[in-house]
Amino acid sequence: MDKLAQGSFQVSYGHIDNCHDRSGFGDGGNRLLAAYLTAWSLFGLQRIIMWEIPFLGPKVVAVGFAVSFFFPFLAGWLCEIAWNKFHS
């Protein structure tokens, strides 16, 4: 994920939001944005390689990855539910 979106979280958010406005996804773009930002914050490749594997070990990192794998999908789904509830 980090290779696709270089820079800090705050820098890329504006770029992603700008692309979202012109993407043609309509209201579905909001759930894509929520899922992307959640995945990016959970699965930082540099953080995993430089900090988590050396200090925690590959087994703990693998368990953490497996446990948090579905969070981006859940964030997108919850964003869609909230969007439909408040904008209908």
C-alpha atoms as a PDB file:
ATOM      1  CA  MET A   1       0.000   0.000   0.000  1.00  0.00           C
ATOM      2  CA  ASP A   2       2.771   2.440   0.820  1.00  0.00           C
ATOM      3  CA  LYS A   3       4.348   2.061  -2.620  1.00  0.00           C
ATOM      4  CA  LEU A   4       1.116   3.263  -4.231  1.00  0.00           C
ATOM      5  CA  ALA A   5       0.650   6.237  -1.938  1.00  0.00           C
ATOM      6  CA  GLN A   6       3.868   7.903  -0.885  1.00  0.00           C
ATOM      7  CA  GLY A   7       3.832  10.631   1.726  1.00  0.00           C
ATOM      8  CA  SER A   8       2.063  11.095   4.983  1.00  0.00           C
ATOM      9  CA  PHE A   9      -1.553  10.334   5.721  1.00  0.00           C
ATOM     10  CA  GLN A  10      -2.548  14.005   5.712  1.00  0.00           C
ATOM     11  CA  VAL A  11      -0.796  14.784   2.426  1.00  0.00           C
ATOM     12  CA  SER A  12      -2.409  11.955   0.490  1.00  0.00           C
ATOM     13  CA  TYR A  13      -5.912  12.499   1.832  1.00  0.00           C
ATOM     14  CA  GLY A  14      -6.407  15.660  -0.233  1.00  0.00           C
ATOM     15  CA  HIS A  15      -5.135  13.935  -3.369  1.00  0.00           C
ATOM     16  CA  ILE A  16      -7.385  10.912  -2.787  1.00  0.00           C
ATOM     17  CA  ASP A  17     -10.388  13.118  -2.085  1.00  0.00           C
ATOM     18  CA  ASN A  18      -9.732  15.085  -5.280  1.00  0.00           C
ATOM     19  CA  CYS A  19      -9.550  11.869  -7.316  1.00  0.00           C
ATOM     20  CA  HIS A  20     -12.704  10.639  -5.580  1.00  0.00           C
ATOM     21  CA  ASP A  21     -14.644  13.707  -6.737  1.00  0.00           C
ATOM     22  CA  ARG A  22     -13.729  13.065 -10.370  1.00  0.00           C
ATOM     23  CA  SER A  23     -13.851   9.260 -10.285  1.00  0.00           C
ATOM     24  CA  GLY A  24     -17.469   8.792 -11.318  1.00  0.00           C
ATOM     25  CA  PHE A  25     -18.171   6.432  -8.420  1.00  0.00           C
ATOM     26  CA  GLY A  26     -20.841   8.757  -7.055  1.00  0.00           C
ATOM     27  CA  ASP A  27     -21.751   7.951  -3.476  1.00  0.00           C
ATOM     28  CA  GLY A  28     -19.836   4.654  -3.658  1.00  0.00           C
ATOM     29  CA  GLY A  29     -16.587   6.599  -3.695  1.00  0.00           C
ATOM     30  CA  ASN A  30     -17.035   7.410  -0.021  1.00  0.00           C
ATOM     31  CA  ARG A  31     -16.863   3.758   0.982  1.00  0.00           C
ATOM     32  CA  LEU A  32     -13.832   3.257  -1.260  1.00  0.00           C
ATOM     33  CA  LEU A  33     -12.105   6.203   0.379  1.00  0.00           C
ATOM     34  CA  ALA A  34     -12.873   4.882   3.881  1.00  0.00           C
ATOM     35  CA  ALA A  35     -11.629   1.392   2.993  1.00  0.00           C
ATOM     36  CA  TYR A  36      -8.462   2.729   1.350  1.00  0.00           C
ATOM     37  CA  LEU A  37      -7.507   4.997   4.241  1.00  0.00           C
ATOM     38  CA  THR A  38      -8.205   2.232   6.776  1.00  0.00           C
ATOM     39  CA  ALA A  39      -6.093  -0.269   4.854  1.00  0.00           C
ATOM     40  CA  TRP A  40      -3.295   2.232   4.446  1.00  0.00           C
ATOM     41  CA  SER A  41      -3.170   3.005   8.148  1.00  0.00           C
ATOM     42  CA  LEU A  42      -3.283  -0.682   9.174  1.00  0.00           C
ATOM     43  CA  PHE A  43      -0.871  -2.182   6.659  1.00  0.00           C
ATOM     44  CA  GLY A  44       2.072   0.201   6.409  1.00  0.00           C
ATOM     45  CA  LEU A  45       4.782  -1.778   4.640  1.00  0.00           C
ATOM     46  CA  GLN A  46       7.673   0.267   6.009  1.00  0.00           C
ATOM     47  CA  ARG A  47       6.348   0.005   9.566  1.00  0.00           C
ATOM     48  CA  ILE A  48       5.931  -3.752   9.284  1.00  0.00           C
ATOM     49  CA  ILE A  49       9.408  -4.314   7.847  1.00  0.00           C
ATOM     50  CA  MET A  50      11.326  -1.825   9.988  1.00  0.00           C
ATOM     51  CA  TRP A  51       9.551  -2.085  13.349  1.00  0.00           C
ATOM     52  CA  GLU A  52       7.071  -4.877  13.771  1.00  0.00           C
ATOM     53  CA  ILE A  53       8.989  -7.876  12.391  1.00  0.00           C
ATOM     54  CA  PRO A  54      12.286  -7.094  14.186  1.00  0.00           C
ATOM     55  CA  PHE A  55      10.677  -6.306  17.539  1.00  0.00           C
ATOM     56  CA  LEU A  56       7.631  -8.591  17.578  1.00  0.00           C
ATOM     57  CA  GLY A  57       8.619 -11.413  15.250  1.00  0.00           C
ATOM     58  CA  PRO A  58       7.000 -12.721  12.090  1.00  0.00           C
ATOM     59  CA  LYS A  59       4.429 -14.888  13.919  1.00  0.00           C
ATOM     60  CA  VAL A  60       2.950 -11.957  15.832  1.00  0.00           C
ATOM     61  CA  VAL A  61       2.922  -9.788  12.699  1.00  0.00           C
ATOM     62  CA  ALA A  62       1.165 -12.544  10.733  1.00  0.00           C
ATOM     63  CA  VAL A  63      -1.472 -12.921  13.448  1.00  0.00           C
ATOM     64  CA  GLY A  64      -1.989  -9.151  13.559  1.00  0.00           C
ATOM     65  CA  PHE A  65      -2.319  -9.037   9.780  1.00  0.00           C
ATOM     66  CA  ALA A  66      -4.829 -11.910   9.783  1.00  0.00           C
ATOM     67  CA  VAL A  67      -6.914 -10.361  12.547  1.00  0.00           C
ATOM     68  CA  SER A  68      -7.059  -6.911  10.938  1.00  0.00           C
ATOM     69  CA  PHE A  69      -7.456  -8.087   7.328  1.00  0.00           C
ATOM     70  CA  PHE A  70     -11.216  -7.485   7.212  1.00  0.00           C
ATOM     71  CA  PHE A  71     -11.193  -4.054   8.906  1.00  0.00           C
ATOM     72  CA  PRO A  72     -10.951  -2.066   5.624  1.00  0.00           C
ATOM     73  CA  PHE A  73     -13.952  -3.954   4.234  1.00  0.00           C
ATOM     74  CA  LEU A  74     -15.836  -3.352   7.476  1.00  0.00           C
ATOM     75  CA  ALA A  75     -14.970   0.363   7.393  1.00  0.00           C
ATOM     76  CA  GLY A  76     -16.236   0.658   3.819  1.00  0.00           C
ATOM     77  CA  TRP A  77     -19.437  -1.175   4.678  1.00  0.00           C
ATOM     78  CA  LEU A  78     -20.081   0.964   7.775  1.00  0.00           C
ATOM     79  CA  CYS A  79     -19.370   4.122   5.770  1.00  0.00           C
ATOM     80  CA  GLU A  80     -21.930   3.066   3.171  1.00  0.00           C
ATOM     81  CA  ILE A  81     -24.535   2.375   5.873  1.00  0.00           C
ATOM     82  CA  ALA A  82     -23.911   5.736   7.545  1.00  0.00           C
ATOM     83  CA  TRP A  83     -23.956   7.585   4.212  1.00  0.00           C
ATOM     84  CA  ASN A  84     -27.262   6.004   3.205  1.00  0.00           C
ATOM     85  CA  LYS A  85     -28.800   6.707   6.608  1.00  0.00           C
ATOM     86  CA  PHE A  86     -27.853  10.386   6.767  1.00  0.00           C
ATOM     87  CA  HIS A  87     -28.197  11.278   3.078  1.00  0.00           C
ATOM     88  CA  SER A  88     -31.464   9.594   2.128  1.00  0.00           C
END
